[in-house]
All heavy atoms as atom14 arrays in JSON, in Angstrom:
{
  "sequence": "LVAVSVFMVIWMFNRENTSENSGSHTDVTRVQMSWWGNDGRHMYTMKG",
  "atom14_mask": [
    [1, 1, 1, 1, 1, 1, 1, 1, 0, 0, 0, 0, 0, 0],
    [1, 1, 1, 1, 1, 1, 1, 0, 0, 0, 0, 0, 0, 0],
    [1, 1, 1, 1, 1, 0, 0, 0, 0, 0, 0, 0, 0, 0],
    [1, 1, 1, 1, 1, 1, 1, 0, 0, 0, 0, 0, 0, 0],
    [1, 1, 1, 1, 1, 1, 0, 0, 0, 0, 0, 0, 0, 0],
    [1, 1, 1, 1, 1, 1, 1, 0, 0, 0, 0, 0, 0, 0],
    [1, 1, 1, 1, 1, 1, 1, 1, 1, 1, 1, 0, 0, 0],
    [1, 1, 1, 1, 1, 1, 1, 1, 0, 0, 0, 0, 0, 0],
    [1, 1, 1, 1, 1, 1, 1, 0, 0, 0, 0, 0, 0, 0],
    [1, 1, 1, 1, 1, 1, 1, 1, 0, 0, 0, 0, 0, 0],
    [1, 1, 1, 1, 1, 1, 1, 1, 1, 1, 1, 1, 1, 1],
    [1, 1, 1, 1, 1, 1, 1, 1, 0, 0, 0, 0, 0, 0],
    [1, 1, 1, 1, 1, 1, 1, 1, 1, 1, 1, 0, 0, 0],
    [1, 1, 1, 1, 1, 1, 1, 1, 0, 0, 0, 0, 0, 0],
    [1, 1, 1, 1, 1, 1, 1, 1, 1, 1, 1, 0, 0, 0],
    [1, 1, 1, 1, 1, 1, 1, 1, 1, 0, 0, 0, 0, 0],
    [1, 1, 1, 1, 1, 1, 1, 1, 0, 0, 0, 0, 0, 0],
    [1, 1, 1, 1, 1, 1, 1, 0, 0, 0, 0, 0, 0, 0],
    [1, 1, 1, 1, 1, 1, 0, 0, 0, 0, 0, 0, 0, 0],
    [1, 1, 1, 1, 1, 1, 1, 1, 1, 0, 0, 0, 0, 0],
    [1, 1, 1, 1, 1, 1, 1, 1, 0, 0, 0, 0, 0, 0],
    [1, 1, 1, 1, 1, 1, 0, 0, 0, 0, 0, 0, 0, 0],
    [1, 1, 1, 1, 0, 0, 0, 0, 0, 0, 0, 0, 0, 0],
    [1, 1, 1, 1, 1, 1, 0, 0, 0, 0, 0, 0, 0, 0],
    [1, 1, 1, 1, 1, 1, 1, 1, 1, 1, 0, 0, 0, 0],
    [1, 1, 1, 1, 1, 1, 1, 0, 0, 0, 0, 0, 0, 0],
    [1, 1, 1, 1, 1, 1, 1, 1, 0, 0, 0, 0, 0, 0],
    [1, 1, 1, 1, 1, 1, 1, 0, 0, 0, 0, 0, 0, 0],
    [1, 1, 1, 1, 1, 1, 1, 0, 0, 0, 0, 0, 0, 0],
    [1, 1, 1, 1, 1, 1, 1, 1, 1, 1, 1, 0, 0, 0],
    [1, 1, 1, 1, 1, 1, 1, 0, 0, 0, 0, 0, 0, 0],
    [1, 1, 1, 1, 1, 1, 1, 1, 1, 0, 0, 0, 0, 0],
    [1, 1, 1, 1, 1, 1, 1, 1, 0, 0, 0, 0, 0, 0],
    [1, 1, 1, 1, 1, 1, 0, 0, 0, 0, 0, 0, 0, 0],
    [1, 1, 1, 1, 1, 1, 1, 1, 1, 1, 1, 1, 1, 1],
    [1, 1, 1, 1, 1, 1, 1, 1, 1, 1, 1, 1, 1, 1],
    [1, 1, 1, 1, 0, 0, 0, 0, 0, 0, 0, 0, 0, 0],
    [1, 1, 1, 1, 1, 1, 1, 1, 0, 0, 0, 0, 0, 0],
    [1, 1, 1, 1, 1, 1, 1, 1, 0, 0, 0, 0, 0, 0],
    [1, 1, 1, 1, 0, 0, 0, 0, 0, 0, 0, 0, 0, 0],
    [1, 1, 1, 1, 1, 1, 1, 1, 1, 1, 1, 0, 0, 0],
    [1, 1, 1, 1, 1, 1, 1, 1, 1, 1, 0, 0, 0, 0],
    [1, 1, 1, 1, 1, 1, 1, 1, 0, 0, 0, 0, 0, 0],
    [1, 1, 1, 1, 1, 1, 1, 1, 1, 1, 1, 1, 0, 0],
    [1, 1, 1, 1, 1, 1, 1, 0, 0, 0, 0, 0, 0, 0],
    [1, 1, 1, 1, 1, 1, 1, 1, 0, 0, 0, 0, 0, 0],
    [1, 1, 1, 1, 1, 1, 1, 1, 1, 0, 0, 0, 0, 0],
    [1, 1, 1, 1, 0, 0, 0, 0, 0, 0, 0, 0, 0, 0]
  ],
  "atom14_positions": [
    [[4.35, -6.09, -21.91], [3.07, -5.44, -21.49], [2.52, -6.48, -20.33], [2.1, -5.94, -19.22], [2.1, -5.3, -22.51], [0.8, -4.65, -22.06], [0.96, -3.32, -21.48], [-0.22, -4.51, -23.31], [0.0, 0.0, 0.0], [0.0, 0.0, 0.0], [0.0, 0.0, 0.0], [0.0, 0.0, 0.0], [0.0, 0.0, 0.0], [0.0, 0.0, 0.0]],
    [[2.57, -7.74, -20.61], [1.98, -8.75, -19.51], [2.93, -8.65, -18.39], [2.32, -8.68, -17.19], [2.09, -10.18, -20.16], [1.81, -11.17, -19.16], [0.92, -10.27, -21.33], [0.0, 0.0, 0.0], [0.0, 0.0, 0.0], [0.0, 0.0, 0.0], [0.0, 0.0, 0.0], [0.0, 0.0, 0.0], [0.0, 0.0, 0.0], [0.0, 0.0, 0.0]],
    [[4.26, -8.61, -18.52], [5.14, -8.53, -17.39], [4.95, -7.31, -16.53], [4.79, -7.43, -15.27], [6.65, -8.48, -17.87], [0.0, 0.0, 0.0], [0.0, 0.0, 0.0], [0.0, 0.0, 0.0], [0.0, 0.0, 0.0], [0.0, 0.0, 0.0], [0.0, 0.0, 0.0], [0.0, 0.0, 0.0], [0.0, 0.0, 0.0], [0.0, 0.0, 0.0]],
    [[4.63, -6.13, -17.16], [4.38, -4.92, -16.44], [3.01, -4.93, -15.6], [2.87, -4.64, -14.53], [4.39, -3.64, -17.44], [3.71, -2.37, -16.68], [5.61, -3.5, -17.92], [0.0, 0.0, 0.0], [0.0, 0.0, 0.0], [0.0, 0.0, 0.0], [0.0, 0.0, 0.0], [0.0, 0.0, 0.0], [0.0, 0.0, 0.0], [0.0, 0.0, 0.0]],
    [[2.04, -5.72, -16.39], [0.78, -5.8, -15.63], [0.83, -6.74, -14.47], [0.26, -6.49, -13.36], [-0.22, -6.56, -16.63], [-0.36, -5.58, -17.85], [0.0, 0.0, 0.0], [0.0, 0.0, 0.0], [0.0, 0.0, 0.0], [0.0, 0.0, 0.0], [0.0, 0.0, 0.0], [0.0, 0.0, 0.0], [0.0, 0.0, 0.0], [0.0, 0.0, 0.0]],
    [[1.73, -7.84, -14.59], [1.84, -8.69, -13.42], [2.53, -8.05, -12.29], [2.1, -8.09, -11.07], [2.64, -9.93, -13.87], [3.13, -10.8, -12.72], [1.77, -10.83, -14.83], [0.0, 0.0, 0.0], [0.0, 0.0, 0.0], [0.0, 0.0, 0.0], [0.0, 0.0, 0.0], [0.0, 0.0, 0.0], [0.0, 0.0, 0.0], [0.0, 0.0, 0.0]],
    [[3.54, -7.22, -12.77], [4.25, -6.33, -11.61], [3.35, -5.42, -10.84], [3.42, -5.42, -9.72], [5.41, -5.68, -12.26], [6.05, -4.63, -11.39], [6.94, -4.98, -10.44], [5.66, -3.36, -11.43], [7.63, -4.18, -9.61], [6.29, -2.41, -10.55], [7.28, -2.82, -9.51], [0.0, 0.0, 0.0], [0.0, 0.0, 0.0], [0.0, 0.0, 0.0]],
    [[2.37, -4.82, -11.67], [1.5, -3.82, -10.95], [0.5, -4.62, -10.16], [0.12, -4.13, -8.99], [0.74, -3.14, -12.09], [1.52, -2.12, -12.83], [2.33, -0.85, -11.88], [0.85, 0.06, -11.2], [0.0, 0.0, 0.0], [0.0, 0.0, 0.0], [0.0, 0.0, 0.0], [0.0, 0.0, 0.0], [0.0, 0.0, 0.0], [0.0, 0.0, 0.0]],
    [[0.06, -5.76, -10.48], [-0.86, -6.51, -9.55], [-0.12, -6.96, -8.39], [-0.6, -6.81, -7.19], [-1.33, -7.8, -10.34], [-1.97, -8.78, -9.33], [-2.22, -7.42, -11.44], [0.0, 0.0, 0.0], [0.0, 0.0, 0.0], [0.0, 0.0, 0.0], [0.0, 0.0, 0.0], [0.0, 0.0, 0.0], [0.0, 0.0, 0.0], [0.0, 0.0, 0.0]],
    [[1.06, -7.37, -8.48], [1.95, -7.76, -7.22], [2.09, -6.62, -6.34], [2.04, -6.53, -5.15], [3.16, -8.44, -7.75], [2.83, -9.83, -8.46], [4.07, -8.61, -6.45], [4.25, -10.46, -9.03], [0.0, 0.0, 0.0], [0.0, 0.0, 0.0], [0.0, 0.0, 0.0], [0.0, 0.0, 0.0], [0.0, 0.0, 0.0], [0.0, 0.0, 0.0]],
    [[2.54, -5.41, -7.12], [2.67, -4.2, -6.22], [1.54, -3.83, -5.52], [1.59, -3.52, -4.42], [3.2, -3.16, -7.28], [3.44, -1.87, -6.53], [4.66, -1.49, -5.95], [2.6, -0.71, -6.56], [4.48, -0.17, -5.49], [3.34, 0.29, -5.85], [1.43, -0.35, -7.01], [2.75, 1.57, -5.59], [0.82, 0.9, -6.83], [1.47, 1.75, -6.08]],
    [[0.32, -3.75, -6.19], [-0.89, -3.44, -5.44], [-1.28, -4.37, -4.15], [-1.61, -4.05, -3.21], [-2.04, -3.46, -6.44], [-2.17, -2.27, -7.42], [-2.16, -0.69, -6.54], [-3.9, -0.8, -5.73], [0.0, 0.0, 0.0], [0.0, 0.0, 0.0], [0.0, 0.0, 0.0], [0.0, 0.0, 0.0], [0.0, 0.0, 0.0], [0.0, 0.0, 0.0]],
    [[-0.95, -5.78, -4.52], [-1.13, -6.74, -3.44], [-0.28, -6.39, -2.33], [-0.65, -6.45, -1.13], [-0.9, -8.11, -4.05], [-0.98, -9.2, -3.0], [-2.32, -9.69, -2.52], [0.03, -9.67, -2.27], [-2.35, -10.68, -1.54], [0.0, -10.64, -1.35], [-1.26, -11.1, -0.99], [0.0, 0.0, 0.0], [0.0, 0.0, 0.0], [0.0, 0.0, 0.0]],
    [[0.97, -6.03, -2.62], [1.92, -5.84, -1.52], [1.55, -4.66, -0.77], [1.86, -4.41, 0.5], [3.29, -5.74, -2.05], [3.86, -7.04, -2.49], [3.51, -8.0, -1.91], [4.89, -7.0, -3.32], [0.0, 0.0, 0.0], [0.0, 0.0, 0.0], [0.0, 0.0, 0.0], [0.0, 0.0, 0.0], [0.0, 0.0, 0.0], [0.0, 0.0, 0.0]],
    [[0.98, -3.58, -1.5], [0.54, -2.36, -0.68], [-0.47, -2.75, 0.22], [-0.62, -2.09, 1.33], [0.03, -1.4, -1.66], [1.04, -0.5, -2.37], [0.41, 0.51, -3.22], [-0.02, 1.68, -2.43], [0.94, 2.66, -2.01], [2.19, 2.6, -2.45], [0.54, 3.66, -1.27], [0.0, 0.0, 0.0], [0.0, 0.0, 0.0], [0.0, 0.0, 0.0]],
    [[-1.33, -3.8, 0.18], [-2.32, -4.14, 1.08], [-1.72, -4.94, 2.12], [-2.32, -5.05, 3.25], [-3.38, -5.04, 0.4], [-4.35, -4.39, -0.53], [-5.5, -5.12, -0.82], [-5.53, -6.25, -0.47], [-6.41, -4.56, -1.45], [0.0, 0.0, 0.0], [0.0, 0.0, 0.0], [0.0, 0.0, 0.0], [0.0, 0.0, 0.0], [0.0, 0.0, 0.0]],
    [[-0.55, -5.56, 2.03], [0.01, -6.41, 3.13], [1.39, -5.84, 3.61], [1.86, -6.7, 4.56], [0.17, -7.75, 2.39], [-1.2, -8.44, 2.1], [-1.85, -8.89, 2.94], [-1.42, -8.29, 0.87], [0.0, 0.0, 0.0], [0.0, 0.0, 0.0], [0.0, 0.0, 0.0], [0.0, 0.0, 0.0], [0.0, 0.0, 0.0], [0.0, 0.0, 0.0]],
    [[1.96, -4.84, 3.16], [3.2, -4.36, 3.76], [3.19, -2.83, 4.02], [2.3, -2.21, 3.38], [4.47, -4.63, 2.75], [4.19, -3.96, 1.59], [4.42, -6.2, 2.5], [0.0, 0.0, 0.0], [0.0, 0.0, 0.0], [0.0, 0.0, 0.0], [0.0, 0.0, 0.0], [0.0, 0.0, 0.0], [0.0, 0.0, 0.0], [0.0, 0.0, 0.0]],
    [[3.96, -2.4, 4.72], [4.12, -0.97, 4.96], [4.89, -0.23, 4.04], [5.98, -0.7, 3.56], [4.83, -0.82, 6.4], [5.09, 0.52, 6.65], [0.0, 0.0, 0.0], [0.0, 0.0, 0.0], [0.0, 0.0, 0.0], [0.0, 0.0, 0.0], [0.0, 0.0, 0.0], [0.0, 0.0, 0.0], [0.0, 0.0, 0.0], [0.0, 0.0, 0.0]],
    [[4.47, 0.94, 3.63], [5.29, 1.79, 2.68], [6.32, 2.48, 3.43], [7.3, 2.94, 2.8], [4.33, 2.67, 2.1], [3.34, 2.11, 1.07], [4.03, 1.38, -0.12], [4.78, 2.28, -0.82], [3.87, 0.3, -0.26], [0.0, 0.0, 0.0], [0.0, 0.0, 0.0], [0.0, 0.0, 0.0], [0.0, 0.0, 0.0], [0.0, 0.0, 0.0]],
    [[6.27, 2.59, 4.81], [7.23, 3.28, 5.48], [7.48, 2.73, 6.75], [6.81, 3.08, 7.77], [6.79, 4.75, 5.61], [7.85, 5.68, 6.31], [8.91, 5.38, 6.45], [7.33, 6.73, 6.95], [0.0, 0.0, 0.0], [0.0, 0.0, 0.0], [0.0, 0.0, 0.0], [0.0, 0.0, 0.0], [0.0, 0.0, 0.0], [0.0, 0.0, 0.0]],
    [[8.43, 1.76, 6.83], [8.5, 1.11, 8.16], [9.55, 1.89, 8.98], [9.79, 1.45, 10.15], [9.09, -0.37, 7.87], [10.29, -0.27, 7.11], [0.0, 0.0, 0.0], [0.0, 0.0, 0.0], [0.0, 0.0, 0.0], [0.0, 0.0, 0.0], [0.0, 0.0, 0.0], [0.0, 0.0, 0.0], [0.0, 0.0, 0.0], [0.0, 0.0, 0.0]],
    [[10.08, 2.94, 8.42], [10.95, 3.59, 9.33], [12.45, 3.03, 9.57], [12.51, 1.95, 9.1], [0.0, 0.0, 0.0], [0.0, 0.0, 0.0], [0.0, 0.0, 0.0], [0.0, 0.0, 0.0], [0.0, 0.0, 0.0], [0.0, 0.0, 0.0], [0.0, 0.0, 0.0], [0.0, 0.0, 0.0], [0.0, 0.0, 0.0], [0.0, 0.0, 0.0]],
    [[13.19, 3.7, 10.31], [14.6, 3.06, 10.66], [14.35, 2.26, 11.88], [15.48, 1.57, 12.28], [15.48, 4.19, 10.82], [15.01, 5.17, 11.9], [0.0, 0.0, 0.0], [0.0, 0.0, 0.0], [0.0, 0.0, 0.0], [0.0, 0.0, 0.0], [0.0, 0.0, 0.0], [0.0, 0.0, 0.0], [0.0, 0.0, 0.0], [0.0, 0.0, 0.0]],
    [[13.34, 2.25, 12.6], [13.23, 1.42, 13.85], [13.27, -0.11, 13.59], [12.68, -0.59, 12.63], [11.82, 1.83, 14.54], [11.87, 3.24, 15.22], [11.71, 3.34, 16.51], [12.02, 4.4, 14.59], [11.67, 4.57, 16.69], [11.97, 5.39, 15.7], [0.0, 0.0, 0.0], [0.0, 0.0, 0.0], [0.0, 0.0, 0.0], [0.0, 0.0, 0.0]],
    [[13.97, -0.68, 14.39], [14.0, -2.18, 14.3], [12.71, -2.73, 14.9], [12.25, -3.86, 14.59], [15.22, -2.73, 15.09], [15.16, -2.4, 16.35], [16.42, -2.29, 14.31], [0.0, 0.0, 0.0], [0.0, 0.0, 0.0], [0.0, 0.0, 0.0], [0.0, 0.0, 0.0], [0.0, 0.0, 0.0], [0.0, 0.0, 0.0], [0.0, 0.0, 0.0]],
    [[12.06, -2.08, 15.86], [10.93, -2.56, 16.64], [9.67, -1.79, 15.98], [9.35, -0.73, 16.45], [11.13, -2.12, 18.07], [10.83, -3.33, 18.97], [10.47, -4.42, 18.4], [10.92, -3.15, 20.22], [0.0, 0.0, 0.0], [0.0, 0.0, 0.0], [0.0, 0.0, 0.0], [0.0, 0.0, 0.0], [0.0, 0.0, 0.0], [0.0, 0.0, 0.0]],
    [[9.17, -2.37, 15.01], [8.06, -1.73, 14.25], [6.86, -2.6, 14.49], [6.74, -3.67, 14.22], [8.35, -1.57, 12.7], [7.14, -1.02, 11.89], [9.56, -0.57, 12.55], [0.0, 0.0, 0.0], [0.0, 0.0, 0.0], [0.0, 0.0, 0.0], [0.0, 0.0, 0.0], [0.0, 0.0, 0.0], [0.0, 0.0, 0.0], [0.0, 0.0, 0.0]],
    [[5.79, -1.94, 14.89], [4.43, -2.49, 14.93], [3.66, -2.31, 13.75], [3.44, -1.29, 13.36], [3.68, -2.0, 16.17], [4.47, -2.26, 17.49], [2.35, -2.7, 16.4], [0.0, 0.0, 0.0], [0.0, 0.0, 0.0], [0.0, 0.0, 0.0], [0.0, 0.0, 0.0], [0.0, 0.0, 0.0], [0.0, 0.0, 0.0], [0.0, 0.0, 0.0]],
    [[3.05, -3.52, 13.25], [2.45, -3.23, 11.91], [0.93, -3.36, 12.28], [0.46, -4.32, 12.96], [2.67, -4.44, 11.07], [4.27, -4.37, 10.64], [4.59, -5.42, 9.58], [6.08, -5.44, 9.3], [6.53, -4.56, 8.4], [5.81, -3.84, 7.65], [7.89, -4.58, 8.19], [0.0, 0.0, 0.0], [0.0, 0.0, 0.0], [0.0, 0.0, 0.0]],
    [[0.17, -2.39, 11.82], [-1.28, -2.43, 11.79], [-1.85, -2.28, 10.41], [-1.23, -1.71, 9.58], [-1.77, -1.35, 12.68], [-1.37, -1.47, 14.07], [-1.52, -0.01, 12.18], [0.0, 0.0, 0.0], [0.0, 0.0, 0.0], [0.0, 0.0, 0.0], [0.0, 0.0, 0.0], [0.0, 0.0, 0.0], [0.0, 0.0, 0.0], [0.0, 0.0, 0.0]],
    [[-3.14, -2.65, 10.2], [-3.78, -2.49, 8.95], [-5.01, -1.73, 9.08], [-5.78, -1.72, 10.16], [-4.15, -3.88, 8.4], [-4.66, -4.0, 6.94], [-4.97, -5.39, 6.54], [-5.82, -6.04, 7.04], [-4.21, -5.8, 5.45], [0.0, 0.0, 0.0], [0.0, 0.0, 0.0], [0.0, 0.0, 0.0], [0.0, 0.0, 0.0], [0.0, 0.0, 0.0]],
    [[-5.3, -0.95, 8.01], [-6.53, -0.13, 8.04], [-7.24, -0.39, 6.66], [-6.65, -0.81, 5.78], [-6.13, 1.34, 8.2], [-5.51, 1.99, 7.02], [-5.21, 3.71, 7.22], [-6.81, 4.36, 7.0], [0.0, 0.0, 0.0], [0.0, 0.0, 0.0], [0.0, 0.0, 0.0], [0.0, 0.0, 0.0], [0.0, 0.0, 0.0], [0.0, 0.0, 0.0]],
    [[-8.56, -0.28, 6.73], [-9.39, -0.41, 5.49], [-10.46, 0.73, 5.3], [-10.8, 1.22, 6.36], [-10.09, -1.79, 5.63], [-11.0, -1.79, 6.71], [0.0, 0.0, 0.0], [0.0, 0.0, 0.0], [0.0, 0.0, 0.0], [0.0, 0.0, 0.0], [0.0, 0.0, 0.0], [0.0, 0.0, 0.0], [0.0, 0.0, 0.0], [0.0, 0.0, 0.0]],
    [[-10.66, 1.01, 4.1], [-11.65, 1.88, 3.72], [-12.23, 1.76, 2.34], [-11.65, 0.99, 1.57], [-11.05, 3.4, 3.81], [-10.04, 3.71, 2.78], [-10.33, 4.35, 1.65], [-8.72, 3.62, 2.87], [-9.16, 4.51, 0.94], [-8.2, 4.03, 1.56], [-7.87, 3.02, 3.8], [-6.84, 4.0, 1.33], [-6.47, 2.96, 3.4], [-5.86, 3.48, 2.3]],
    [[-13.13, 2.44, 1.94], [-13.74, 2.4, 0.55], [-13.86, 3.78, 0.07], [-13.96, 4.74, 0.85], [-15.16, 1.57, 0.45], [-16.21, 2.47, 1.16], [-17.0, 3.34, 0.51], [-16.71, 2.26, 2.4], [-17.95, 3.94, 1.38], [-17.8, 3.18, 2.5], [-16.47, 1.52, 3.59], [-18.54, 3.4, 3.73], [-16.95, 1.73, 4.67], [-18.15, 2.56, 4.78]],
    [[-13.97, 3.97, -1.36], [-14.21, 5.33, -1.74], [-13.59, 5.4, -3.29], [-13.36, 4.34, -3.92], [0.0, 0.0, 0.0], [0.0, 0.0, 0.0], [0.0, 0.0, 0.0], [0.0, 0.0, 0.0], [0.0, 0.0, 0.0], [0.0, 0.0, 0.0], [0.0, 0.0, 0.0], [0.0, 0.0, 0.0], [0.0, 0.0, 0.0], [0.0, 0.0, 0.0]],
    [[-13.53, 6.51, -3.87], [-13.13, 6.77, -5.17], [-11.62, 6.93, -5.14], [-10.88, 6.96, -4.13], [-13.73, 7.98, -5.83], [-13.66, 9.31, -4.94], [-12.68, 9.43, -4.23], [-14.61, 10.19, -5.02], [0.0, 0.0, 0.0], [0.0, 0.0, 0.0], [0.0, 0.0, 0.0], [0.0, 0.0, 0.0], [0.0, 0.0, 0.0], [0.0, 0.0, 0.0]],
    [[-11.0, 7.19, -6.31], [-9.56, 7.29, -6.39], [-9.05, 8.48, -5.64], [-7.99, 8.49, -5.12], [-9.16, 7.57, -7.9], [-9.24, 6.18, -8.69], [-9.43, 5.07, -8.04], [-9.31, 6.28, -10.01], [0.0, 0.0, 0.0], [0.0, 0.0, 0.0], [0.0, 0.0, 0.0], [0.0, 0.0, 0.0], [0.0, 0.0, 0.0], [0.0, 0.0, 0.0]],
    [[-9.83, 9.58, -5.66], [-9.44, 10.77, -4.83], [-9.23, 10.43, -3.32], [-8.19, 10.85, -2.8], [0.0, 0.0, 0.0], [0.0, 0.0, 0.0], [0.0, 0.0, 0.0], [0.0, 0.0, 0.0], [0.0, 0.0, 0.0], [0.0, 0.0, 0.0], [0.0, 0.0, 0.0], [0.0, 0.0, 0.0], [0.0, 0.0, 0.0], [0.0, 0.0, 0.0]],
    [[-10.17, 9.76, -2.81], [-10.14, 9.3, -1.47], [-8.99, 8.45, -1.14], [-8.17, 8.56, -0.21], [-11.43, 8.56, -1.02], [-11.33, 8.11, 0.51], [-12.74, 7.51, 0.85], [-13.76, 8.44, 0.85], [-15.1, 8.19, 1.13], [-15.37, 6.9, 1.58], [-15.99, 9.07, 1.07], [0.0, 0.0, 0.0], [0.0, 0.0, 0.0], [0.0, 0.0, 0.0]],
    [[-8.66, 7.51, -2.05], [-7.47, 6.55, -1.89], [-6.24, 7.32, -1.78], [-5.4, 7.12, -0.95], [-7.46, 5.53, -2.99], [-8.64, 4.68, -3.09], [-9.45, 4.41, -2.13], [-9.24, 4.14, -4.31], [-10.44, 3.66, -2.59], [-10.31, 3.46, -3.89], [0.0, 0.0, 0.0], [0.0, 0.0, 0.0], [0.0, 0.0, 0.0], [0.0, 0.0, 0.0]],
    [[-6.14, 8.46, -2.74], [-4.81, 9.11, -2.83], [-4.64, 10.02, -1.46], [-3.49, 9.84, -0.94], [-4.83, 9.92, -3.88], [-4.88, 9.23, -5.36], [-3.47, 8.17, -5.46], [-2.15, 9.37, -5.56], [0.0, 0.0, 0.0], [0.0, 0.0, 0.0], [0.0, 0.0, 0.0], [0.0, 0.0, 0.0], [0.0, 0.0, 0.0], [0.0, 0.0, 0.0]],
    [[-5.57, 10.7, -1.1], [-5.4, 11.66, 0.07], [-5.29, 10.71, 1.45], [-4.53, 11.08, 2.3], [-6.35, 12.68, 0.22], [-7.72, 12.34, 0.78], [-7.89, 11.99, 2.04], [-8.9, 12.41, 0.03], [-9.09, 11.6, 2.65], [-10.14, 12.17, 0.48], [-10.26, 11.63, 1.84], [-11.43, 11.32, 2.35], [0.0, 0.0, 0.0], [0.0, 0.0, 0.0]],
    [[-5.96, 9.62, 1.47], [-5.75, 8.79, 2.66], [-4.46, 8.17, 2.7], [-3.81, 8.15, 3.78], [-6.94, 7.68, 2.63], [-8.19, 8.22, 2.54], [-6.83, 6.75, 3.89], [0.0, 0.0, 0.0], [0.0, 0.0, 0.0], [0.0, 0.0, 0.0], [0.0, 0.0, 0.0], [0.0, 0.0, 0.0], [0.0, 0.0, 0.0], [0.0, 0.0, 0.0]],
    [[-3.8, 7.58, 1.51], [-2.57, 7.03, 1.63], [-1.52, 8.17, 1.86], [-0.57, 7.91, 2.67], [-2.28, 6.37, 0.29], [-2.99, 5.09, -0.02], [-2.4, 4.15, -1.42], [-3.23, 5.08, -2.7], [0.0, 0.0, 0.0], [0.0, 0.0, 0.0], [0.0, 0.0, 0.0], [0.0, 0.0, 0.0], [0.0, 0.0, 0.0], [0.0, 0.0, 0.0]],
    [[-1.66, 9.37, 1.36], [-0.82, 10.49, 1.7], [-0.82, 10.79, 3.19], [0.19, 11.09, 3.9], [-1.13, 11.76, 0.92], [-0.12, 12.83, 1.04], [-0.35, 13.95, 0.06], [0.62, 15.15, 0.3], [0.3, 16.19, -0.73], [0.0, 0.0, 0.0], [0.0, 0.0, 0.0], [0.0, 0.0, 0.0], [0.0, 0.0, 0.0], [0.0, 0.0, 0.0]],
    [[-2.02, 10.73, 3.73], [-2.17, 11.05, 5.11], [-1.52, 9.94, 6.08], [-0.93, 10.22, 6.97], [0.0, 0.0, 0.0], [0.0, 0.0, 0.0], [0.0, 0.0, 0.0], [0.0, 0.0, 0.0], [0.0, 0.0, 0.0], [0.0, 0.0, 0.0], [0.0, 0.0, 0.0], [0.0, 0.0, 0.0], [0.0, 0.0, 0.0], [0.0, 0.0, 0.0]]
  ]
}
């Protein structure tokens, strides 16, 4: 259970710092965006 929890924390951290879809391009420009809200807002924003 602890291992799974640590994995989830690392996974969430990585979502803030890496792209979920870098595509097949070798020349990828990385940008970051920020927002606040409830779980529903997080889900539709990430899907968008």
